[in-house]
Amino acid sequence: MAYRLITQVVLVGTRVVGRAFAEAYKQASASSQYQRAQAKSGNGGGASGLASLSSGMTLDEACKILNVKPPQPGQANVEEVMERFKRLFDSNDPKKGGSFYLQSKILRARERLEAEVKPAIEKAAQEAEVKEGWNPKVYKDR
């Protein structure tokens, strides 16, 4: 008699856990597909879409949070972004009565803008290196 009760409890528990797992998987899959669709439609795909997936924030949202203009293809306003970031991050310090949530949004906005500008900065540095040529530093033994 007791073994039947234990078997029923185990079967019902397994069913409940299985259904919960299946539902969680469906929700995670739908969320992932939605983020991919947003990344493709909002920024034209490419590196900016990947950055949006990792940070969960669009470029437009990041620019609004830090109150800066979107970066142009040939220009990078990194100094302005860092100045705004420092000011907003410090003013929202929880020790000073600010909000940790706002601080994290400001940090994610800075990371999103850096991810957008980083490939352009790396490309410019690479072009400058190619332009000046390869000059290795050679150390001679005495």
C-alpha atoms as a PDB file:
ATOM      1  CA  MET A   1       0.000   0.000   0.000  1.00  0.00           C
ATOM      2  CA  ALA A   2       2.764   2.477   0.921  1.00  0.00           C
ATOM      3  CA  TYR A   3       4.753   1.684  -2.208  1.00  0.00           C
ATOM      4  CA  ARG A   4       1.754   2.666  -4.374  1.00  0.00           C
ATOM      5  CA  LEU A   5       1.501   6.003  -2.609  1.00  0.00           C
ATOM      6  CA  ILE A   6       5.231   6.677  -2.962  1.00  0.00           C
ATOM      7  CA  THR A   7       5.112   5.713  -6.650  1.00  0.00           C
ATOM      8  CA  GLN A   8       2.190   8.067  -7.291  1.00  0.00           C
ATOM      9  CA  VAL A   9       3.948  10.949  -5.500  1.00  0.00           C
ATOM     10  CA  VAL A  10       7.113  10.382  -7.552  1.00  0.00           C
ATOM     11  CA  LEU A  11       5.160  10.217 -10.833  1.00  0.00           C
ATOM     12  CA  VAL A  12       3.135  13.355 -10.108  1.00  0.00           C
ATOM     13  CA  GLY A  13       6.274  15.220  -8.999  1.00  0.00           C
ATOM     14  CA  THR A  14       8.112  14.177 -12.152  1.00  0.00           C
ATOM     15  CA  ARG A  15       5.220  15.336 -14.299  1.00  0.00           C
ATOM     16  CA  VAL A  16       5.069  18.735 -12.588  1.00  0.00           C
ATOM     17  CA  VAL A  17       8.819  19.295 -12.872  1.00  0.00           C
ATOM     18  CA  GLY A  18       8.795  18.164 -16.519  1.00  0.00           C
ATOM     19  CA  ARG A  19       6.008  20.572 -17.446  1.00  0.00           C
ATOM     20  CA  ALA A  20       7.709  23.447 -15.646  1.00  0.00           C
ATOM     21  CA  PHE A  21      10.979  22.708 -17.453  1.00  0.00           C
ATOM     22  CA  ALA A  22       9.217  22.565 -20.841  1.00  0.00           C
ATOM     23  CA  GLU A  23       7.452  25.884 -20.195  1.00  0.00           C
ATOM     24  CA  ALA A  24      10.676  27.574 -19.097  1.00  0.00           C
ATOM     25  CA  TYR A  25      12.409  26.307 -22.251  1.00  0.00           C
ATOM     26  CA  LYS A  26       9.611  27.690 -24.455  1.00  0.00           C
ATOM     27  CA  GLN A  27       9.857  31.096 -22.779  1.00  0.00           C
ATOM     28  CA  ALA A  28      13.646  31.209 -23.089  1.00  0.00           C
ATOM     29  CA  SER A  29      13.463  30.244 -26.744  1.00  0.00           C
ATOM     30  CA  ALA A  30      10.832  32.886 -27.483  1.00  0.00           C
ATOM     31  CA  SER A  31      12.867  35.533 -25.675  1.00  0.00           C
ATOM     32  CA  SER A  32      15.996  34.611 -27.623  1.00  0.00           C
ATOM     33  CA  GLN A  33      14.152  34.786 -30.939  1.00  0.00           C
ATOM     34  CA  TYR A  34      12.668  38.165 -30.008  1.00  0.00           C
ATOM     35  CA  GLN A  35      16.106  39.597 -29.141  1.00  0.00           C
ATOM     36  CA  ARG A  36      17.566  38.331 -32.419  1.00  0.00           C
ATOM     37  CA  ALA A  37      14.703  39.917 -34.359  1.00  0.00           C
ATOM     38  CA  GLN A  38      15.180  43.221 -32.522  1.00  0.00           C
ATOM     39  CA  ALA A  39      18.918  43.172 -33.193  1.00  0.00           C
ATOM     40  CA  LYS A  40      18.419  42.561 -36.914  1.00  0.00           C
ATOM     41  CA  SER A  41      15.674  45.118 -37.442  1.00  0.00           C
ATOM     42  CA  GLY A  42      16.985  47.850 -35.141  1.00  0.00           C
ATOM     43  CA  ASN A  43      20.618  48.081 -36.155  1.00  0.00           C
ATOM     44  CA  GLY A  44      20.977  46.294 -39.457  1.00  0.00           C
ATOM     45  CA  GLY A  45      22.654  43.244 -37.926  1.00  0.00           C
ATOM     46  CA  GLY A  46      26.419  42.865 -37.825  1.00  0.00           C
ATOM     47  CA  ALA A  47      28.546  43.670 -34.789  1.00  0.00           C
ATOM     48  CA  SER A  48      26.038  46.122 -33.376  1.00  0.00           C
ATOM     49  CA  GLY A  49      23.384  43.401 -33.309  1.00  0.00           C
ATOM     50  CA  LEU A  50      25.694  41.140 -31.328  1.00  0.00           C
ATOM     51  CA  ALA A  51      26.429  43.917 -28.870  1.00  0.00           C
ATOM     52  CA  SER A  52      22.711  44.488 -28.438  1.00  0.00           C
ATOM     53  CA  LEU A  53      22.208  40.808 -27.672  1.00  0.00           C
ATOM     54  CA  SER A  54      24.941  40.786 -25.051  1.00  0.00           C
ATOM     55  CA  SER A  55      23.896  43.973 -23.265  1.00  0.00           C
ATOM     56  CA  GLY A  56      20.157  43.771 -23.857  1.00  0.00           C
ATOM     57  CA  MET A  57      20.078  47.444 -24.832  1.00  0.00           C
ATOM     58  CA  THR A  58      19.681  49.121 -28.193  1.00  0.00           C
ATOM     59  CA  LEU A  59      22.024  51.830 -29.412  1.00  0.00           C
ATOM     60  CA  ASP A  60      19.227  54.385 -29.369  1.00  0.00           C
ATOM     61  CA  GLU A  61      18.356  53.557 -25.755  1.00  0.00           C
ATOM     62  CA  ALA A  62      22.019  53.839 -24.712  1.00  0.00           C
ATOM     63  CA  CYS A  63      22.311  57.252 -26.387  1.00  0.00           C
ATOM     64  CA  LYS A  64      19.172  58.474 -24.626  1.00  0.00           C
ATOM     65  CA  ILE A  65      20.393  57.298 -21.228  1.00  0.00           C
ATOM     66  CA  LEU A  66      23.737  59.082 -21.544  1.00  0.00           C
ATOM     67  CA  ASN A  67      22.246  61.996 -23.514  1.00  0.00           C
ATOM     68  CA  VAL A  68      24.750  61.758 -26.376  1.00  0.00           C
ATOM     69  CA  LYS A  69      24.387  61.623 -30.138  1.00  0.00           C
ATOM     70  CA  PRO A  70      24.721  58.229 -31.843  1.00  0.00           C
ATOM     71  CA  PRO A  71      28.273  57.584 -33.052  1.00  0.00           C
ATOM     72  CA  GLN A  72      28.870  58.359 -36.705  1.00  0.00           C
ATOM     73  CA  PRO A  73      30.796  55.884 -38.900  1.00  0.00           C
ATOM     74  CA  GLY A  74      33.937  58.031 -39.140  1.00  0.00           C
ATOM     75  CA  GLN A  75      33.798  59.700 -35.741  1.00  0.00           C
ATOM     76  CA  ALA A  76      33.941  58.516 -32.166  1.00  0.00           C
ATOM     77  CA  ASN A  77      32.824  60.695 -29.245  1.00  0.00           C
ATOM     78  CA  VAL A  78      34.427  58.505 -26.592  1.00  0.00           C
ATOM     79  CA  GLU A  79      35.541  61.433 -24.437  1.00  0.00           C
ATOM     80  CA  GLU A  80      32.012  62.848 -24.273  1.00  0.00           C
ATOM     81  CA  VAL A  81      30.563  59.431 -23.435  1.00  0.00           C
ATOM     82  CA  MET A  82      33.100  58.880 -20.631  1.00  0.00           C
ATOM     83  CA  GLU A  83      32.514  62.374 -19.195  1.00  0.00           C
ATOM     84  CA  ARG A  84      28.730  61.867 -19.141  1.00  0.00           C
ATOM     85  CA  PHE A  85      29.141  58.344 -17.759  1.00  0.00           C
ATOM     86  CA  LYS A  86      31.347  59.462 -14.868  1.00  0.00           C
ATOM     87  CA  ARG A  87      29.052  62.331 -13.938  1.00  0.00           C
ATOM     88  CA  LEU A  88      25.850  60.246 -14.041  1.00  0.00           C
ATOM     89  CA  PHE A  89      27.427  57.191 -12.407  1.00  0.00           C
ATOM     90  CA  ASP A  90      28.774  59.240  -9.495  1.00  0.00           C
ATOM     91  CA  SER A  91      25.552  61.194  -9.011  1.00  0.00           C
ATOM     92  CA  ASN A  92      23.546  57.937  -8.777  1.00  0.00           C
ATOM     93  CA  ASP A  93      25.804  56.345  -6.163  1.00  0.00           C
ATOM     94  CA  PRO A  94      23.617  54.501  -3.608  1.00  0.00           C
ATOM     95  CA  LYS A  95      25.822  55.831  -0.793  1.00  0.00           C
ATOM     96  CA  LYS A  96      24.785  59.343  -1.823  1.00  0.00           C
ATOM     97  CA  GLY A  97      21.095  58.444  -2.012  1.00  0.00           C
ATOM     98  CA  GLY A  98      21.104  57.366  -5.656  1.00  0.00           C
ATOM     99  CA  SER A  99      19.757  54.248  -7.288  1.00  0.00           C
ATOM    100  CA  PHE A 100      21.739  51.074  -7.965  1.00  0.00           C
ATOM    101  CA  TYR A 101      19.309  50.278 -10.798  1.00  0.00           C
ATOM    102  CA  LEU A 102      20.035  53.588 -12.525  1.00  0.00           C
ATOM    103  CA  GLN A 103      23.749  53.091 -11.985  1.00  0.00           C
ATOM    104  CA  SER A 104      23.603  49.699 -13.694  1.00  0.00           C
ATOM    105  CA  LYS A 105      21.595  51.132 -16.616  1.00  0.00           C
ATOM    106  CA  ILE A 106      24.208  53.874 -17.047  1.00  0.00           C
ATOM    107  CA  LEU A 107      27.002  51.293 -16.988  1.00  0.00           C
ATOM    108  CA  ARG A 108      25.233  49.114 -19.579  1.00  0.00           C
ATOM    109  CA  ALA A 109      24.655  52.166 -21.786  1.00  0.00           C
ATOM    110  CA  ARG A 110      28.377  52.991 -21.710  1.00  0.00           C
ATOM    111  CA  GLU A 111      29.278  49.381 -22.500  1.00  0.00           C
ATOM    112  CA  ARG A 112      26.812  49.362 -25.412  1.00  0.00           C
ATOM    113  CA  LEU A 113      28.269  52.541 -26.898  1.00  0.00           C
ATOM    114  CA  GLU A 114      31.819  51.248 -26.440  1.00  0.00           C
ATOM    115  CA  ALA A 115      30.862  48.008 -28.203  1.00  0.00           C
ATOM    116  CA  GLU A 116      29.498  50.065 -31.101  1.00  0.00           C
ATOM    117  CA  VAL A 117      32.604  52.253 -31.427  1.00  0.00           C
ATOM    118  CA  LYS A 118      35.265  49.616 -30.647  1.00  0.00           C
ATOM    119  CA  PRO A 119      35.475  48.070 -34.174  1.00  0.00           C
ATOM    120  CA  ALA A 120      35.918  51.512 -35.752  1.00  0.00           C
ATOM    121  CA  ILE A 121      38.691  52.448 -33.305  1.00  0.00           C
ATOM    122  CA  GLU A 122      40.477  49.140 -33.882  1.00  0.00           C
ATOM    123  CA  LYS A 123      40.199  49.561 -37.652  1.00  0.00           C
ATOM    124  CA  ALA A 124      41.623  53.096 -37.479  1.00  0.00           C
ATOM    125  CA  ALA A 125      44.532  51.897 -35.320  1.00  0.00           C
ATOM    126  CA  GLN A 126      45.210  49.058 -37.739  1.00  0.00           C
ATOM    127  CA  GLU A 127      45.150  51.420 -40.729  1.00  0.00           C
ATOM    128  CA  ALA A 128      47.537  53.795 -38.954  1.00  0.00           C
ATOM    129  CA  GLU A 129      49.920  50.921 -38.254  1.00  0.00           C
ATOM    130  CA  VAL A 130      49.799  49.792 -41.880  1.00  0.00           C
ATOM    131  CA  LYS A 131      50.332  53.353 -43.080  1.00  0.00           C
ATOM    132  CA  GLU A 132      53.460  53.952 -40.991  1.00  0.00           C
ATOM    133  CA  GLY A 133      54.837  50.494 -41.701  1.00  0.00           C
ATOM    134  CA  TRP A 134      56.102  47.730 -39.508  1.00  0.00           C
ATOM    135  CA  ASN A 135      58.927  48.950 -37.301  1.00  0.00           C
ATOM    136  CA  PRO A 136      59.883  46.302 -34.788  1.00  0.00           C
ATOM    137  CA  LYS A 137      61.892  47.320 -31.759  1.00  0.00           C
ATOM    138  CA  VAL A 138      65.169  45.445 -31.846  1.00  0.00           C
ATOM    139  CA  TYR A 139      67.229  45.127 -28.713  1.00  0.00           C
ATOM    140  CA  LYS A 140      70.902  44.353 -29.085  1.00  0.00           C
ATOM    141  CA  ASP A 141      72.961  42.509 -26.521  1.00  0.00           C
ATOM    142  CA  ARG A 142      76.134  44.239 -25.420  1.00  0.00           C
END
